[in-house]
Amino acid sequence: MRHAVILTALIATLALAPAAPRYNVLFLMADDMNNSMSCYGHPIVKTPNLDRLASRGVRFERAYCQYPLCGPSRNSMLTGLYPNSEGILTNGQIFRQTIPSHVSLPQAFRLSGYFAGRIGKMYHYNVPNSIGTNGHDDPGSWEMELNPAGCDRLEEEPDIFSLVKGQFGGTLSWYASPRPDERHTDGLMAADAEWVLERCARQKDRPFFLAVGFFRPHTPYVAPRPYFDRFPVADMPVIRGVEEDQKDVPKAALASRHKVQDEMTDDLRRQAVQAYFASATFMDAQVGKVLAALDRLGLAESTIIVFTSDHGYHLGEHGLWQKLSLFEGSARVPLFIVAPGVAKAGAVAKAPVGLLDLYPTLAELCGVKAPDNLQGQSLVPMLRDPSSDGRGWALSQITLPGRGGKVARTGYSLRTPRWRYTEWGEAAAEGRELYDHDADPKEITNLAERPEHAAAVAELSGQLRAAIKASLPPSGTVPQVGTNLWAPNLTNP
């Protein structure tokens, strides 16, 4: 019945079809996925489907989220605005509360005559509790929403191990399921995506923007047991030298630490890493099913494909787990763009880019009218020539809670091809960090206070402040939830 109702609505809107054919868009997104993939050089994790996708387009070596937390990152990406300009700095909010007149990325496609549909998580969801619901979705962005819920949500929660009993979404937790792929939420989503693509293939006179937001590998790390079996626990890596690593790092940089994670044994650490890798490879398999359907239906040559994640993910680096830091492991994301006839197949772009760049890129590729206040850059020049420099940097930020009744303070991090430079608090009052990625890709040695790097710090600090200024709305005031402090002149396409 659910599918029949949706199909009726899809057919009823065919009158909106544009006059000329345009690229379709298949937007694939993982949740909490770092760059642990074979195509990014990981020595253990094998992701054959994502590897094949990367070989069909451009793989971005240095892609970064603008805020390493699900809700703010996704709102920024889908509005094409920095968190400072769309006003979403925590989970559980959506940009309609701060800039209600803004046109989102999928909404722009919808208003340009595209069928715009979503399966799973694109805006923020509380995982796992929101699985099967619309979560913190934006109804104006879509004309179809599918929210399947599988055994991982409906049957298996009593069996999931957690560091804190009964807590899953924000606590390390995992389970090797005895049930097959097709019973799990991400497996159901892959099947739903195939169903939607089959119907889109029949309607050749209307392009589609289909977003598929997988929930894995977000904790709880639940996947069928065969994926766990690929990663023997004894072979899982454990980060060493954490205490020495933390000595030259500002306290603010480690604010995402949790005592329960600090107290894990090495065996638990290995189990957590095993479960995360299992969940990532399970998600890769579901991506493969969607891509196979696209190819089988003859849609590949007319469809732009994007794959990314909302932020990176720590697995013990610097003593941290999950996200909410400004280190490379938390801010960096995987990003592939396949654009037939435009993107150079199998190429690698090394210039730093951000998730907010996807909106202007897709709008340009598809001839879709976008708001004139977007703050990202189009990546089309990099798709044509992966050696292009683009803007030359990416900006990420995080807001930490205030202490002792003080207001919250923000950390900002600038990533250039060589450096990561981070300042904590107003005028770096709570510390700064400088890492030379040419010599120190794991960001072990903080060079910020070394005299021989004073010139680099001064130059990068100036760049950072210019980037922060560029991230602000014209008013210079970050919009607040429940208000509309910034209402730019936008005209719906």
Protein backbone atom coordinates (compact mmCIF):
# COMPACT_ATOMS: atom_id res chain seq x y z
CA MET A 1 0.00 0.00 0.00
CA ARG A 2 2.81 2.42 0.91
CA HIS A 3 4.51 1.93 -2.46
CA ALA A 4 1.23 2.25 -4.36
CA VAL A 5 0.43 5.61 -2.75
CA ILE A 6 3.91 6.92 -3.48
CA LEU A 7 3.79 5.75 -7.08
CA THR A 8 0.46 7.51 -7.59
CA ALA A 9 1.96 10.75 -6.28
CA LEU A 10 5.02 10.33 -8.49
CA ILE A 11 2.95 9.85 -11.65
CA ALA A 12 0.64 12.73 -10.73
CA THR A 13 3.52 15.19 -10.82
CA LEU A 14 4.76 14.33 -14.32
CA ALA A 15 3.19 17.52 -15.65
CA LEU A 16 6.15 19.34 -14.10
CA ALA A 17 8.61 17.70 -16.50
CA PRO A 18 11.17 20.08 -18.02
CA ALA A 19 11.32 20.64 -21.75
CA ALA A 20 14.82 19.23 -22.24
CA PRO A 21 16.43 16.16 -20.65
CA ARG A 22 18.97 16.83 -17.90
CA TYR A 23 21.24 14.76 -15.72
CA ASN A 24 19.65 12.72 -12.97
CA VAL A 25 21.30 12.82 -9.54
CA LEU A 26 21.85 9.83 -7.24
CA PHE A 27 23.08 11.18 -3.91
CA LEU A 28 24.45 8.42 -1.67
CA MET A 29 25.44 9.18 1.90
CA ALA A 30 26.86 7.20 4.77
CA ASP A 31 26.52 8.10 8.44
CA ASP A 32 29.67 8.58 10.56
CA MET A 33 31.89 7.15 7.80
CA ASN A 34 35.58 7.99 7.90
CA ASN A 35 38.08 7.28 5.13
CA SER A 36 38.64 3.64 6.12
CA MET A 37 38.30 2.40 2.54
CA SER A 38 40.63 0.52 0.26
CA CYS A 39 40.44 3.27 -2.37
CA TYR A 40 41.82 5.67 0.26
CA GLY A 41 44.64 3.26 1.03
CA HIS A 42 43.33 1.52 4.13
CA PRO A 43 45.33 -1.68 4.68
CA ILE A 44 42.51 -3.76 6.20
CA VAL A 45 39.10 -2.53 5.08
CA LYS A 46 38.01 -3.63 1.61
CA THR A 47 35.22 -1.63 -0.03
CA PRO A 48 34.94 -3.02 -3.58
CA ASN A 49 31.74 -1.21 -4.51
CA LEU A 50 32.95 2.19 -3.38
CA ASP A 51 36.27 1.48 -5.10
CA ARG A 52 34.45 0.86 -8.37
CA LEU A 53 32.44 4.03 -7.88
CA ALA A 54 35.64 6.01 -7.33
CA SER A 55 37.08 4.55 -10.54
CA ARG A 56 34.12 5.94 -12.49
CA GLY A 57 34.64 9.55 -11.42
CA VAL A 58 36.79 11.84 -9.31
CA ARG A 59 37.88 10.89 -5.81
CA PHE A 60 38.55 13.88 -3.57
CA GLU A 61 41.57 13.25 -1.37
CA ARG A 62 41.01 16.21 0.96
CA ALA A 63 37.28 16.68 1.51
CA TYR A 64 36.01 18.09 4.82
CA CYS A 65 32.77 18.67 6.66
CA GLN A 66 32.06 22.15 7.99
CA TYR A 67 30.98 20.91 11.43
CA PRO A 68 31.83 17.39 12.69
CA LEU A 69 28.37 16.59 14.07
CA CYS A 70 25.47 15.08 12.12
CA GLY A 71 22.83 17.81 12.30
CA PRO A 72 24.98 20.91 11.71
CA SER A 73 27.01 19.18 9.00
CA ARG A 74 23.98 17.96 7.07
CA ASN A 75 22.18 21.30 7.31
CA SER A 76 25.29 23.08 6.05
CA MET A 77 25.72 20.68 3.13
CA LEU A 78 22.05 20.82 2.11
CA THR A 79 21.84 24.62 2.33
CA GLY A 80 25.23 25.38 0.80
CA LEU A 81 25.94 27.70 3.74
CA TYR A 82 28.42 27.63 6.59
CA PRO A 83 27.00 26.79 10.03
CA ASN A 84 27.53 30.41 11.04
CA SER A 85 25.21 31.51 8.24
CA GLU A 86 22.45 28.91 8.56
CA GLY A 87 22.54 29.00 12.35
CA ILE A 88 22.44 25.27 13.12
CA LEU A 89 25.14 24.41 15.64
CA THR A 90 23.55 21.44 17.44
CA ASN A 91 21.56 18.31 16.58
CA GLY A 92 17.78 18.30 16.57
CA GLN A 93 17.39 21.56 14.63
CA ILE A 94 16.76 22.40 11.01
CA PHE A 95 17.49 25.49 8.96
CA ARG A 96 13.78 26.38 8.62
CA GLN A 97 14.01 27.57 12.23
CA THR A 98 16.67 30.13 11.37
CA ILE A 99 16.53 30.95 7.64
CA PRO A 100 13.07 29.69 6.62
CA SER A 101 13.07 31.31 3.18
CA HIS A 102 16.24 29.55 2.02
CA VAL A 103 15.95 26.98 -0.78
CA SER A 104 17.67 23.69 0.05
CA LEU A 105 19.66 21.64 -2.45
CA PRO A 106 16.95 19.03 -3.13
CA GLN A 107 14.29 21.73 -3.05
CA ALA A 108 16.09 23.65 -5.80
CA PHE A 109 15.98 20.53 -7.96
CA ARG A 110 12.34 19.95 -7.09
CA LEU A 111 11.43 23.53 -8.03
CA SER A 112 13.29 23.06 -11.32
CA GLY A 113 11.03 20.18 -12.32
CA TYR A 114 12.93 17.23 -10.87
CA PHE A 115 11.35 14.38 -8.97
CA ALA A 116 13.00 14.74 -5.55
CA GLY A 117 12.90 11.74 -3.25
CA ARG A 118 14.62 10.65 -0.05
CA ILE A 119 15.23 7.21 1.41
CA GLY A 120 16.61 7.12 4.95
CA LYS A 121 18.71 9.79 6.62
CA MET A 122 19.63 13.03 4.88
CA TYR A 123 18.82 15.66 7.49
CA HIS A 124 19.46 14.68 11.09
CA TYR A 125 17.98 11.58 12.71
CA ASN A 126 18.45 10.35 16.25
CA VAL A 127 20.05 6.96 15.63
CA PRO A 128 18.69 4.44 16.31
CA ASN A 129 15.49 5.88 17.83
CA SER A 130 14.41 7.87 14.75
CA ILE A 131 14.91 5.02 12.28
CA GLY A 132 11.56 4.36 10.61
CA THR A 133 10.40 7.97 11.04
CA ASN A 134 11.02 11.27 9.26
CA GLY A 135 13.45 12.34 11.97
CA HIS A 136 14.36 16.04 11.79
CA ASP A 137 13.51 16.17 8.12
CA ASP A 138 12.54 19.11 5.89
CA PRO A 139 9.25 18.33 4.10
CA GLY A 140 9.81 21.14 1.60
CA SER A 141 12.86 19.35 0.23
CA TRP A 142 11.08 16.24 -1.04
CA GLU A 143 7.94 14.94 -2.66
CA MET A 144 8.66 11.37 -1.52
CA GLU A 145 10.10 10.06 1.73
CA LEU A 146 10.71 6.41 2.55
CA ASN A 147 11.70 5.42 6.09
CA PRO A 148 12.19 1.67 6.35
CA ALA A 149 13.09 0.10 9.69
CA GLY A 150 14.80 -3.27 9.84
CA CYS A 151 15.66 -5.88 12.41
CA ASP A 152 18.50 -3.75 13.79
CA ARG A 153 15.87 -1.27 15.00
CA LEU A 154 12.80 -3.43 15.61
CA GLU A 155 14.16 -6.74 16.92
CA GLU A 156 17.79 -6.70 17.95
CA GLU A 157 18.26 -3.84 20.40
CA PRO A 158 17.95 -6.14 23.45
CA ASP A 159 20.92 -8.13 22.11
CA ILE A 160 23.23 -5.19 21.38
CA PHE A 161 26.30 -4.83 23.59
CA SER A 162 26.92 -1.27 24.82
CA LEU A 163 29.56 0.33 27.02
CA VAL A 164 26.60 1.87 28.87
CA LYS A 165 23.72 -0.56 29.19
CA GLY A 166 20.64 0.53 27.24
CA GLN A 167 22.41 3.40 25.44
CA PHE A 168 23.26 3.07 21.75
CA GLY A 169 23.25 6.22 19.61
CA GLY A 170 25.95 8.20 21.43
CA THR A 171 27.72 5.27 23.08
CA LEU A 172 29.99 2.68 21.50
CA SER A 173 27.80 -0.37 20.97
CA TRP A 174 27.76 -3.30 18.56
CA TYR A 175 26.19 -6.60 17.56
CA ALA A 176 27.01 -9.32 15.04
CA SER A 177 23.55 -10.12 13.72
CA PRO A 178 22.46 -13.63 12.69
CA ARG A 179 20.00 -12.12 10.19
CA PRO A 180 20.75 -11.48 6.50
CA ASP A 181 21.39 -8.15 4.77
CA GLU A 182 17.83 -7.88 3.49
CA ARG A 183 16.40 -7.78 7.02
CA HIS A 184 18.47 -4.78 8.11
CA THR A 185 17.49 -1.14 7.65
CA ASP A 186 20.23 -0.38 5.13
CA GLY A 187 19.36 -3.54 3.22
CA LEU A 188 15.71 -2.45 3.05
CA MET A 189 16.84 0.97 1.86
CA ALA A 190 18.84 -0.55 -0.99
CA ALA A 191 15.75 -2.50 -2.05
CA ASP A 192 13.61 0.64 -1.86
CA ALA A 193 16.17 2.54 -3.94
CA GLU A 194 16.02 -0.17 -6.62
CA TRP A 195 12.22 0.06 -6.59
CA VAL A 196 12.27 3.84 -7.03
CA LEU A 197 14.90 3.71 -9.78
CA GLU A 198 12.83 1.18 -11.71
CA ARG A 199 9.92 3.61 -11.75
CA CYS A 200 12.11 6.59 -12.56
CA ALA A 201 13.52 4.65 -15.52
CA ARG A 202 10.01 4.37 -16.97
CA GLN A 203 9.48 8.13 -16.81
CA LYS A 204 12.16 9.24 -19.23
CA ASP A 205 10.73 12.73 -19.65
CA ARG A 206 11.40 13.78 -16.04
CA PRO A 207 14.81 13.71 -14.29
CA PHE A 208 15.21 12.63 -10.70
CA PHE A 209 17.16 13.67 -7.61
CA LEU A 210 17.21 10.58 -5.41
CA ALA A 211 18.96 10.80 -2.04
CA VAL A 212 19.76 7.55 -0.21
CA GLY A 213 21.05 8.13 3.33
CA PHE A 214 22.39 4.91 4.85
CA PHE A 215 22.57 4.61 8.65
CA ARG A 216 25.72 2.53 8.90
CA PRO A 217 28.37 2.62 10.19
CA HIS A 218 26.83 4.87 12.88
CA THR A 219 26.76 3.27 16.32
CA PRO A 220 25.26 0.86 17.23
CA TYR A 221 27.54 -1.00 14.83
CA VAL A 222 25.06 -3.68 13.79
CA ALA A 223 25.71 -5.79 10.71
CA PRO A 224 25.26 -9.42 9.67
CA ARG A 225 27.87 -11.72 11.21
CA PRO A 226 29.67 -12.55 7.91
CA TYR A 227 30.91 -8.96 7.80
CA PHE A 228 32.35 -9.32 11.30
CA ASP A 229 34.06 -12.54 10.28
CA ARG A 230 36.12 -10.63 7.70
CA PHE A 231 37.94 -8.86 10.54
CA PRO A 232 39.38 -11.21 13.19
CA VAL A 233 39.42 -9.39 16.52
CA ALA A 234 43.05 -10.25 17.20
CA ASP A 235 44.09 -8.46 13.99
CA MET A 236 42.35 -5.17 14.79
CA PRO A 237 44.63 -2.18 15.38
CA VAL A 238 44.86 -0.39 18.73
CA ILE A 239 46.28 3.14 18.91
CA ARG A 240 49.39 3.43 21.07
CA GLY A 241 51.23 6.40 22.58
CA VAL A 242 48.07 8.35 23.36
CA GLU A 243 49.31 10.00 26.56
CA GLU A 244 52.47 11.29 24.86
CA ASP A 245 50.42 12.48 21.88
CA GLN A 246 48.07 14.50 24.09
CA LYS A 247 50.81 16.41 25.93
CA ASP A 248 51.16 19.21 23.36
CA VAL A 249 47.43 19.48 22.56
CA PRO A 250 45.12 22.18 24.03
CA LYS A 251 42.49 20.81 26.42
CA ALA A 252 39.74 22.13 24.18
CA ALA A 253 40.93 19.87 21.35
CA LEU A 254 40.18 16.83 23.53
CA ALA A 255 36.79 17.98 24.81
CA SER A 256 34.95 15.14 23.06
CA ARG A 257 36.58 12.53 25.32
CA HIS A 258 34.30 10.30 27.40
CA LYS A 259 35.43 8.58 30.58
CA VAL A 260 33.69 5.33 29.64
CA GLN A 261 35.75 5.20 26.44
CA ASP A 262 38.99 6.03 28.28
CA GLU A 263 38.40 3.01 30.52
CA MET A 264 38.03 0.50 27.67
CA THR A 265 40.35 -2.50 27.66
CA ASP A 266 42.39 -3.29 24.56
CA ASP A 267 40.07 -6.22 23.87
CA LEU A 268 37.04 -3.91 23.87
CA ARG A 269 38.88 -1.46 21.63
CA ARG A 270 39.58 -4.23 19.14
CA GLN A 271 35.95 -5.37 19.26
CA ALA A 272 34.75 -1.82 18.61
CA VAL A 273 37.08 -1.42 15.63
CA GLN A 274 36.00 -4.80 14.26
CA ALA A 275 32.34 -3.84 14.53
CA TYR A 276 32.90 -0.45 12.89
CA PHE A 277 34.74 -2.02 9.96
CA ALA A 278 32.03 -4.68 9.67
CA SER A 279 29.33 -2.00 9.53
CA ALA A 280 31.27 -0.02 6.92
CA THR A 281 31.69 -3.01 4.63
CA PHE A 282 28.03 -3.95 5.10
CA MET A 283 27.09 -0.45 3.98
CA ASP A 284 29.46 -0.81 1.00
CA ALA A 285 27.57 -3.93 -0.07
CA GLN A 286 24.27 -2.02 -0.03
CA VAL A 287 25.79 0.75 -2.15
CA GLY A 288 26.76 -1.96 -4.61
CA LYS A 289 23.14 -3.10 -4.91
CA VAL A 290 21.96 0.44 -5.69
CA LEU A 291 24.69 0.98 -8.29
CA ALA A 292 23.90 -2.38 -9.89
CA ALA A 293 20.27 -1.33 -10.25
CA LEU A 294 21.30 1.98 -11.83
CA ASP A 295 23.46 0.13 -14.36
CA ARG A 296 20.86 -2.56 -15.05
CA LEU A 297 18.22 0.07 -15.80
CA GLY A 298 20.41 1.93 -18.28
CA LEU A 299 20.53 5.07 -16.14
CA ALA A 300 24.26 5.29 -15.48
CA GLU A 301 25.18 7.43 -18.48
CA SER A 302 22.55 10.05 -17.63
CA THR A 303 23.08 10.12 -13.85
CA ILE A 304 25.51 12.07 -11.68
CA ILE A 305 26.47 10.05 -8.61
CA VAL A 306 27.72 11.51 -5.35
CA PHE A 307 28.95 9.52 -2.38
CA THR A 308 30.03 11.10 0.90
CA SER A 309 29.53 11.10 4.67
CA ASP A 310 28.43 13.78 7.11
CA HIS A 311 31.80 13.79 8.93
CA GLY A 312 34.71 11.55 9.81
CA TYR A 313 35.11 9.29 12.81
CA HIS A 314 37.77 8.57 15.41
CA LEU A 315 38.73 5.01 16.31
CA GLY A 316 41.05 5.84 19.18
CA GLU A 317 43.32 8.40 17.52
CA HIS A 318 44.49 11.00 20.07
CA GLY A 319 42.51 8.99 22.64
CA LEU A 320 39.23 9.98 20.94
CA TRP A 321 36.29 7.98 19.60
CA GLN A 322 33.45 9.05 17.30
CA LYS A 323 33.32 12.73 16.18
CA LEU A 324 33.18 16.27 17.58
CA SER A 325 36.86 17.10 17.20
CA LEU A 326 38.78 19.25 14.72
CA PHE A 327 41.46 16.68 14.06
CA GLU A 328 41.75 15.20 10.57
CA GLY A 329 40.05 11.96 11.57
CA SER A 330 36.86 13.76 12.59
CA ALA A 331 36.71 16.55 9.99
CA ARG A 332 37.75 14.60 6.88
CA VAL A 333 35.14 12.78 4.79
CA PRO A 334 35.17 10.51 1.75
CA LEU A 335 33.87 12.15 -1.42
CA PHE A 336 33.37 10.76 -4.93
CA ILE A 337 31.60 12.50 -7.80
CA VAL A 338 30.74 10.67 -11.01
CA ALA A 339 29.61 13.03 -13.78
CA PRO A 340 29.40 11.31 -17.20
CA GLY A 341 31.03 13.38 -19.90
CA VAL A 342 32.45 15.84 -17.36
CA ALA A 343 34.39 14.11 -14.59
CA LYS A 344 37.65 12.40 -15.47
CA ALA A 345 37.21 8.72 -14.61
CA GLY A 346 39.57 7.40 -11.96
CA ALA A 347 41.12 10.78 -11.24
CA VAL A 348 42.10 12.12 -7.82
CA ALA A 349 41.63 15.77 -6.81
CA LYS A 350 43.97 16.82 -4.00
CA ALA A 351 42.88 20.40 -3.34
CA PRO A 352 40.90 20.88 -0.08
CA VAL A 353 37.12 21.04 -0.60
CA GLY A 354 34.06 21.16 1.66
CA LEU A 355 30.66 19.49 1.76
CA LEU A 356 28.97 22.86 1.20
CA ASP A 357 30.60 22.85 -2.26
CA LEU A 358 28.22 20.11 -3.42
CA TYR A 359 25.22 22.42 -3.80
CA PRO A 360 26.75 24.83 -6.36
CA THR A 361 28.48 21.92 -8.10
CA LEU A 362 25.32 19.90 -8.71
CA ALA A 363 23.31 22.98 -9.61
CA GLU A 364 25.87 23.92 -12.27
CA LEU A 365 26.10 20.41 -13.69
CA CYS A 366 22.32 20.09 -14.00
CA GLY A 367 21.40 23.64 -15.00
CA VAL A 368 19.37 24.13 -11.83
CA LYS A 369 18.74 27.63 -10.53
CA ALA A 370 20.28 28.06 -7.08
CA PRO A 371 20.12 30.86 -4.49
CA ASP A 372 22.63 33.61 -5.08
CA ASN A 373 23.95 33.52 -1.50
CA LEU A 374 25.58 30.08 -1.58
CA GLN A 375 28.97 30.11 0.12
CA GLY A 376 30.53 27.04 -1.46
CA GLN A 377 32.59 26.85 -4.62
CA SER A 378 31.62 24.84 -7.68
CA LEU A 379 33.79 21.77 -8.07
CA VAL A 380 33.09 21.49 -11.81
CA PRO A 381 36.56 22.85 -12.70
CA MET A 382 38.12 20.11 -10.55
CA LEU A 383 35.94 17.47 -12.19
CA ARG A 384 37.28 18.55 -15.57
CA ASP A 385 40.84 19.10 -14.35
CA PRO A 386 41.58 17.40 -11.01
CA SER A 387 44.81 19.40 -10.66
CA SER A 388 42.81 22.63 -10.23
CA ASP A 389 43.50 24.42 -6.94
CA GLY A 390 40.00 25.71 -6.17
CA ARG A 391 39.83 28.07 -3.21
CA GLY A 392 42.83 26.32 -1.67
CA TRP A 393 41.45 25.63 1.81
CA ALA A 394 38.55 24.15 3.76
CA LEU A 395 37.06 25.52 7.00
CA SER A 396 35.62 23.40 9.82
CA GLN A 397 34.31 24.52 13.20
CA ILE A 398 32.95 23.16 16.44
CA THR A 399 31.20 24.83 19.38
CA LEU A 400 32.07 23.70 22.88
CA PRO A 401 29.79 24.24 25.89
CA GLY A 402 30.66 27.09 28.21
CA ARG A 403 32.31 26.47 31.55
CA GLY A 404 31.39 28.05 34.86
CA GLY A 405 28.45 29.94 33.44
CA LYS A 406 30.46 31.34 30.54
CA VAL A 407 29.14 31.44 26.99
CA ALA A 408 29.99 28.66 24.57
CA ARG A 409 33.29 28.96 22.75
CA THR A 410 34.18 27.94 19.22
CA GLY A 411 37.15 26.22 17.64
CA TYR A 412 37.97 26.86 13.99
CA SER A 413 40.28 24.79 11.82
CA LEU A 414 41.73 25.65 8.42
CA ARG A 415 42.94 22.84 6.17
CA THR A 416 45.31 23.75 3.32
CA PRO A 417 47.15 21.27 1.08
CA ARG A 418 50.01 21.13 3.60
CA TRP A 419 48.77 22.42 6.95
CA ARG A 420 46.01 22.01 9.49
CA TYR A 421 45.83 25.13 11.63
CA THR A 422 43.33 25.36 14.52
CA GLU A 423 42.45 28.09 17.01
CA TRP A 424 40.38 27.56 20.15
CA GLY A 425 38.40 30.40 21.72
CA GLU A 426 38.46 34.12 20.97
CA ALA A 427 41.88 35.12 19.59
CA ALA A 428 43.15 31.58 20.30
CA ALA A 429 42.81 32.22 24.04
CA GLU A 430 42.38 28.47 24.68
CA GLY A 431 45.19 27.33 22.48
CA ARG A 432 46.21 26.69 18.91
CA GLU A 433 47.42 23.75 16.85
CA LEU A 434 49.58 23.43 13.74
CA TYR A 435 50.23 20.15 11.95
CA ASP A 436 52.45 19.63 8.92
CA HIS A 437 50.70 16.98 6.84
CA ASP A 438 53.68 16.56 4.53
CA ALA A 439 55.67 15.18 7.47
CA ASP A 440 53.00 14.29 10.03
CA PRO A 441 49.76 13.03 8.42
CA LYS A 442 48.55 11.56 11.74
CA GLU A 443 48.80 14.97 13.46
CA ILE A 444 50.98 13.76 16.30
CA THR A 445 53.26 16.80 16.74
CA ASN A 446 51.73 20.22 17.42
CA LEU A 447 54.09 22.83 15.95
CA ALA A 448 52.08 25.93 16.86
CA GLU A 449 54.33 27.14 19.68
CA ARG A 450 57.66 26.38 18.04
CA PRO A 451 59.60 29.54 17.10
CA GLU A 452 60.70 28.19 13.73
CA HIS A 453 57.04 28.00 12.67
CA ALA A 454 56.01 31.46 13.89
CA ALA A 455 55.80 32.83 10.34
CA ALA A 456 53.58 29.96 9.19
CA VAL A 457 51.32 30.44 12.23
CA ALA A 458 50.98 34.17 11.53
CA GLU A 459 50.13 33.58 7.87
CA LEU A 460 47.66 30.79 8.57
CA SER A 461 46.02 32.76 11.40
CA GLY A 462 45.34 35.57 8.93
CA GLN A 463 43.91 33.09 6.43
CA LEU A 464 41.75 31.53 9.14
CA ARG A 465 40.29 34.87 10.20
CA ALA A 466 39.49 35.75 6.60
CA ALA A 467 37.77 32.38 6.19
CA ILE A 468 35.76 32.88 9.39
CA LYS A 469 34.64 36.28 8.13
CA ALA A 470 33.58 34.70 4.85
CA SER A 471 31.53 32.10 6.78
CA LEU A 472 29.34 34.75 8.42
CA PRO A 473 26.03 36.05 7.05
CA PRO A 474 25.97 39.62 5.69
CA SER A 475 24.70 40.90 9.04
CA GLY A 476 27.69 39.37 10.83
CA THR A 477 25.25 37.83 13.35
CA VAL A 478 24.70 34.09 13.51
CA PRO A 479 20.97 33.33 13.13
CA GLN A 480 19.26 32.00 16.24
CA VAL A 481 16.70 29.23 16.36
CA GLY A 482 13.19 30.62 16.27
CA THR A 483 14.21 33.86 14.59
CA ASN A 484 14.97 34.98 11.07
CA LEU A 485 17.88 37.34 11.59
CA TRP A 486 19.11 36.72 8.09
CA ALA A 487 16.58 36.65 5.27
CA PRO A 488 18.56 37.10 2.05
CA ASN A 489 16.88 38.02 -1.19
CA LEU A 490 15.94 34.64 -2.62
CA THR A 491 13.62 33.94 -5.49
CA ASN A 492 12.31 30.45 -5.97
CA PRO A 493 13.24 29.04 -9.39
